[in-house]
Structure formats: structure tokens, C-alpha cells
Amino acid sequence: MAKQKKGEGFHSAAGLIRYFDAEEKTSLRIPPWFIATMCIGTIIVVTIVHAAFPI
């Protein structure tokens, strides 16, 4: 059997942590109030459409 390298997982995990830290700083940030407003707006639109065009 081939020998397995020990400690390789730690280096891989450290690279992923650095990647996600860098990605977090430059990513698009959507405020929570915007998500809540969009959900409520979608519920209102669906309710109106359902009332206007019943199945």
C-alpha cells in the first residue's frame, strides 16, 4: 500500500479559510431588511394574482 501523507489536510483547510475570508470581503452584501421586504412583496403579489385568477 502507498504511504499516506499526514498533515496535508491542515494545509488544505488553511487555504480554504484564506480563500473564503478573501471572498467574504469582496462579495455582494444584501441587507436582511431587503430580503424580508422582497419576501413580503412576493407574498402580496402571489396573493393578488391568485385572487384575480382563481383556478
PDB file of N, CA and C in Angstrom:
ATOM      1  N   MET A   1       0.829  -1.176   0.000  1.00  0.00           N
ATOM      2  CA  MET A   1       0.000   0.000   0.000  1.00  0.00           C
ATOM      3  C   MET A   1       0.876   1.243   0.000  1.00  0.00           C
ATOM      4  N   ALA A   2       0.341   2.283  -0.597  1.00  0.00           N
ATOM      5  CA  ALA A   2       1.076   3.550  -0.639  1.00  0.00           C
ATOM      6  C   ALA A   2       0.973   4.267   0.694  1.00  0.00           C
ATOM      7  N   LYS A   3       2.043   4.986   1.014  1.00  0.00           N
ATOM      8  CA  LYS A   3       2.032   5.749   2.259  1.00  0.00           C
ATOM      9  C   LYS A   3       1.148   6.985   2.097  1.00  0.00           C
ATOM     10  N   GLN A   4       0.425   7.294   3.142  1.00  0.00           N
ATOM     11  CA  GLN A   4      -0.414   8.484   3.122  1.00  0.00           C
ATOM     12  C   GLN A   4       0.331   9.631   3.796  1.00  0.00           C
ATOM     13  N   LYS A   5       0.184  10.818   3.257  1.00  0.00           N
ATOM     14  CA  LYS A   5       0.821  11.990   3.852  1.00  0.00           C
ATOM     15  C   LYS A   5      -0.041  12.465   5.007  1.00  0.00           C
ATOM     16  N   LYS A   6       0.585  12.626   6.150  1.00  0.00           N
ATOM     17  CA  LYS A   6      -0.133  13.154   7.297  1.00  0.00           C
ATOM     18  C   LYS A   6       0.076  14.656   7.355  1.00  0.00           C
ATOM     19  N   GLY A   7      -0.940  15.381   7.761  1.00  0.00           N
ATOM     20  CA  GLY A   7      -0.840  16.822   7.877  1.00  0.00           C
ATOM     21  C   GLY A   7      -1.230  17.565   6.620  1.00  0.00           C
ATOM     22  N   GLU A   8      -1.509  16.860   5.542  1.00  0.00           N
ATOM     23  CA  GLU A   8      -1.883  17.526   4.304  1.00  0.00           C
ATOM     24  C   GLU A   8      -3.259  18.189   4.432  1.00  0.00           C
ATOM     25  N   GLY A   9      -4.144  17.610   5.209  1.00  0.00           N
ATOM     26  CA  GLY A   9      -5.474  18.162   5.385  1.00  0.00           C
ATOM     27  C   GLY A   9      -5.456  19.523   6.041  1.00  0.00           C
ATOM     28  N   PHE A  10      -4.546  19.734   6.968  1.00  0.00           N
ATOM     29  CA  PHE A  10      -4.465  21.023   7.645  1.00  0.00           C
ATOM     30  C   PHE A  10      -4.092  22.130   6.662  1.00  0.00           C
ATOM     31  N   HIS A  11      -3.148  21.870   5.789  1.00  0.00           N
ATOM     32  CA  HIS A  11      -2.737  22.883   4.821  1.00  0.00           C
ATOM     33  C   HIS A  11      -3.862  23.177   3.845  1.00  0.00           C
ATOM     34  N   SER A  12      -4.597  22.170   3.453  1.00  0.00           N
ATOM     35  CA  SER A  12      -5.727  22.383   2.551  1.00  0.00           C
ATOM     36  C   SER A  12      -6.812  23.199   3.233  1.00  0.00           C
ATOM     37  N   ALA A  13      -7.080  22.902   4.481  1.00  0.00           N
ATOM     38  CA  ALA A  13      -8.095  23.647   5.216  1.00  0.00           C
ATOM     39  C   ALA A  13      -7.665  25.100   5.404  1.00  0.00           C
ATOM     40  N   ALA A  14      -6.399  25.321   5.656  1.00  0.00           N
ATOM     41  CA  ALA A  14      -5.908  26.691   5.835  1.00  0.00           C
ATOM     42  C   ALA A  14      -6.069  27.479   4.542  1.00  0.00           C
ATOM     43  N   GLY A  15      -5.840  26.856   3.416  1.00  0.00           N
ATOM     44  CA  GLY A  15      -6.027  27.521   2.122  1.00  0.00           C
ATOM     45  C   GLY A  15      -7.475  27.878   1.882  1.00  0.00           C
ATOM     46  N   LEU A  16      -8.386  26.989   2.245  1.00  0.00           N
ATOM     47  CA  LEU A  16      -9.815  27.268   2.077  1.00  0.00           C
ATOM     48  C   LEU A  16     -10.261  28.407   2.987  1.00  0.00           C
ATOM     49  N   ILE A  17      -9.735  28.430   4.193  1.00  0.00           N
ATOM     50  CA  ILE A  17     -10.097  29.507   5.115  1.00  0.00           C
ATOM     51  C   ILE A  17      -9.629  30.844   4.562  1.00  0.00           C
ATOM     52  N   ARG A  18      -8.425  30.892   4.037  1.00  0.00           N
ATOM     53  CA  ARG A  18      -7.925  32.148   3.448  1.00  0.00           C
ATOM     54  C   ARG A  18      -8.761  32.534   2.238  1.00  0.00           C
ATOM     55  N   TYR A  19      -9.167  31.557   1.429  1.00  0.00           N
ATOM     56  CA  TYR A  19      -9.978  31.844   0.237  1.00  0.00           C
ATOM     57  C   TYR A  19     -11.327  32.431   0.633  1.00  0.00           C
ATOM     58  N   PHE A  20     -11.997  31.819   1.594  1.00  0.00           N
ATOM     59  CA  PHE A  20     -13.318  32.296   1.977  1.00  0.00           C
ATOM     60  C   PHE A  20     -13.243  33.618   2.720  1.00  0.00           C
ATOM     61  N   ASP A  21     -12.180  33.884   3.456  1.00  0.00           N
ATOM     62  CA  ASP A  21     -12.011  35.187   4.094  1.00  0.00           C
ATOM     63  C   ASP A  21     -11.852  36.279   3.042  1.00  0.00           C
ATOM     64  N   ALA A  22     -11.074  36.017   2.016  1.00  0.00           N
ATOM     65  CA  ALA A  22     -10.886  36.995   0.947  1.00  0.00           C
ATOM     66  C   ALA A  22     -12.174  37.176   0.159  1.00  0.00           C
ATOM     67  N   GLU A  23     -12.897  36.114  -0.070  1.00  0.00           N
ATOM     68  CA  GLU A  23     -14.138  36.174  -0.832  1.00  0.00           C
ATOM     69  C   GLU A  23     -15.205  36.955  -0.062  1.00  0.00           C
ATOM     70  N   GLU A  24     -15.208  36.827   1.246  1.00  0.00           N
ATOM     71  CA  GLU A  24     -16.212  37.492   2.069  1.00  0.00           C
ATOM     72  C   GLU A  24     -16.076  39.013   2.005  1.00  0.00           C
ATOM     73  N   LYS A  25     -14.876  39.523   1.886  1.00  0.00           N
ATOM     74  CA  LYS A  25     -14.657  40.963   1.876  1.00  0.00           C
ATOM     75  C   LYS A  25     -15.111  41.598   0.573  1.00  0.00           C
ATOM     76  N   THR A  26     -15.072  40.867  -0.522  1.00  0.00           N
ATOM     77  CA  THR A  26     -15.406  41.430  -1.825  1.00  0.00           C
ATOM     78  C   THR A  26     -16.769  40.983  -2.327  1.00  0.00           C
ATOM     79  N   SER A  27     -17.483  40.179  -1.575  1.00  0.00           N
ATOM     80  CA  SER A  27     -18.753  39.646  -2.056  1.00  0.00           C
ATOM     81  C   SER A  27     -19.870  40.682  -1.938  1.00  0.00           C
ATOM     82  N   LEU A  28     -20.932  40.441  -2.679  1.00  0.00           N
ATOM     83  CA  LEU A  28     -22.108  41.296  -2.647  1.00  0.00           C
ATOM     84  C   LEU A  28     -22.824  41.109  -1.323  1.00  0.00           C
ATOM     85  N   ARG A  29     -23.122  42.209  -0.661  1.00  0.00           N
ATOM     86  CA  ARG A  29     -23.802  42.133   0.631  1.00  0.00           C
ATOM     87  C   ARG A  29     -25.223  42.654   0.473  1.00  0.00           C
ATOM     88  N   ILE A  30     -26.188  41.828   0.848  1.00  0.00           N
ATOM     89  CA  ILE A  30     -27.592  42.199   0.780  1.00  0.00           C
ATOM     90  C   ILE A  30     -28.092  42.335   2.208  1.00  0.00           C
ATOM     91  N   PRO A  31     -28.637  43.498   2.564  1.00  0.00           N
ATOM     92  CA  PRO A  31     -29.110  43.686   3.935  1.00  0.00           C
ATOM     93  C   PRO A  31     -30.322  42.811   4.239  1.00  0.00           C
ATOM     94  N   PRO A  32     -30.452  42.364   5.479  1.00  0.00           N
ATOM     95  CA  PRO A  32     -31.569  41.492   5.847  1.00  0.00           C
ATOM     96  C   PRO A  32     -32.935  42.129   5.638  1.00  0.00           C
ATOM     97  N   TRP A  33     -33.058  43.449   5.828  1.00  0.00           N
ATOM     98  CA  TRP A  33     -34.356  44.100   5.624  1.00  0.00           C
ATOM     99  C   TRP A  33     -34.797  44.014   4.176  1.00  0.00           C
ATOM    100  N   PHE A  34     -33.862  43.999   3.238  1.00  0.00           N
ATOM    101  CA  PHE A  34     -34.195  43.879   1.815  1.00  0.00           C
ATOM    102  C   PHE A  34     -34.778  42.506   1.517  1.00  0.00           C
ATOM    103  N   ILE A  35     -34.187  41.475   2.089  1.00  0.00           N
ATOM    104  CA  ILE A  35     -34.696  40.112   1.896  1.00  0.00           C
ATOM    105  C   ILE A  35     -36.097  39.983   2.476  1.00  0.00           C
ATOM    106  N   ALA A  36     -36.315  40.526   3.686  1.00  0.00           N
ATOM    107  CA  ALA A  36     -37.640  40.457   4.312  1.00  0.00           C
ATOM    108  C   ALA A  36     -38.666  41.211   3.473  1.00  0.00           C
ATOM    109  N   THR A  37     -38.295  42.387   2.959  1.00  0.00           N
ATOM    110  CA  THR A  37     -39.200  43.171   2.128  1.00  0.00           C
ATOM    111  C   THR A  37     -39.550  42.437   0.836  1.00  0.00           C
ATOM    112  N   MET A  38     -38.568  41.815   0.230  1.00  0.00           N
ATOM    113  CA  MET A  38     -38.822  41.066  -1.009  1.00  0.00           C
ATOM    114  C   MET A  38     -39.740  39.870  -0.756  1.00  0.00           C
ATOM    115  N   CYS A  39     -39.571  39.198   0.376  1.00  0.00           N
ATOM    116  CA  CYS A  39     -40.438  38.062   0.709  1.00  0.00           C
ATOM    117  C   CYS A  39     -41.884  38.529   0.906  1.00  0.00           C
ATOM    118  N   ILE A  40     -42.059  39.599   1.645  1.00  0.00           N
ATOM    119  CA  ILE A  40     -43.404  40.125   1.879  1.00  0.00           C
ATOM    120  C   ILE A  40     -44.020  40.606   0.567  1.00  0.00           C
ATOM    121  N   GLY A  41     -43.238  41.270  -0.265  1.00  0.00           N
ATOM    122  CA  GLY A  41     -43.730  41.719  -1.574  1.00  0.00           C
ATOM    123  C   GLY A  41     -44.144  40.562  -2.465  1.00  0.00           C
ATOM    124  N   THR A  42     -43.361  39.494  -2.450  1.00  0.00           N
ATOM    125  CA  THR A  42     -43.698  38.313  -3.245  1.00  0.00           C
ATOM    126  C   THR A  42     -44.990  37.676  -2.753  1.00  0.00           C
ATOM    127  N   ILE A  43     -45.164  37.599  -1.448  1.00  0.00           N
ATOM    128  CA  ILE A  43     -46.392  37.039  -0.882  1.00  0.00           C
ATOM    129  C   ILE A  43     -47.598  37.872  -1.312  1.00  0.00           C
ATOM    130  N   ILE A  44     -47.478  39.194  -1.281  1.00  0.00           N
ATOM    131  CA  ILE A  44     -48.576  40.071  -1.679  1.00  0.00           C
ATOM    132  C   ILE A  44     -48.913  39.883  -3.159  1.00  0.00           C
ATOM    133  N   VAL A  45     -47.898  39.839  -4.010  1.00  0.00           N
ATOM    134  CA  VAL A  45     -48.130  39.666  -5.449  1.00  0.00           C
ATOM    135  C   VAL A  45     -48.797  38.321  -5.738  1.00  0.00           C
ATOM    136  N   VAL A  46     -48.323  37.259  -5.122  1.00  0.00           N
ATOM    137  CA  VAL A  46     -48.898  35.935  -5.357  1.00  0.00           C
ATOM    138  C   VAL A  46     -50.345  35.889  -4.885  1.00  0.00           C
ATOM    139  N   THR A  47     -50.625  36.507  -3.743  1.00  0.00           N
ATOM    140  CA  THR A  47     -51.991  36.542  -3.214  1.00  0.00           C
ATOM    141  C   THR A  47     -52.916  37.308  -4.156  1.00  0.00           C
ATOM    142  N   ILE A  48     -52.475  38.448  -4.668  1.00  0.00           N
ATOM    143  CA  ILE A  48     -53.291  39.227  -5.602  1.00  0.00           C
ATOM    144  C   ILE A  48     -53.542  38.467  -6.890  1.00  0.00           C
ATOM    145  N   VAL A  49     -52.516  37.841  -7.434  1.00  0.00           N
ATOM    146  CA  VAL A  49     -52.674  37.070  -8.673  1.00  0.00           C
ATOM    147  C   VAL A  49     -53.606  35.882  -8.449  1.00  0.00           C
ATOM    148  N   HIS A  50     -53.480  35.237  -7.315  1.00  0.00           N
ATOM    149  CA  HIS A  50     -54.353  34.103  -7.012  1.00  0.00           C
ATOM    150  C   HIS A  50     -55.816  34.546  -6.867  1.00  0.00           C
ATOM    151  N   ALA A  51     -56.033  35.717  -6.261  1.00  0.00           N
ATOM    152  CA  ALA A  51     -57.397  36.231  -6.125  1.00  0.00           C
ATOM    153  C   ALA A  51     -57.964  36.675  -7.456  1.00  0.00           C
ATOM    154  N   ALA A  52     -57.121  37.223  -8.327  1.00  0.00           N
ATOM    155  CA  ALA A  52     -57.594  37.709  -9.626  1.00  0.00           C
ATOM    156  C   ALA A  52     -57.853  36.580 -10.610  1.00  0.00           C
ATOM    157  N   PHE A  53     -57.094  35.516 -10.533  1.00  0.00           N
ATOM    158  CA  PHE A  53     -57.224  34.390 -11.451  1.00  0.00           C
ATOM    159  C   PHE A  53     -57.374  33.078 -10.682  1.00  0.00           C
ATOM    160  N   PRO A  54     -58.515  32.833 -10.076  1.00  0.00           N
ATOM    161  CA  PRO A  54     -58.679  31.590  -9.303  1.00  0.00           C
ATOM    162  C   PRO A  54     -58.685  30.374 -10.230  1.00  0.00           C
ATOM    163  N   ILE A  55     -58.220  29.292  -9.720  1.00  0.00           N
ATOM    164  CA  ILE A  55     -58.138  28.060 -10.514  1.00  0.00           C
ATOM    165  C   ILE A  55     -59.423  27.272 -10.346  1.00  0.00           C
TER     166      ILE A  55
END
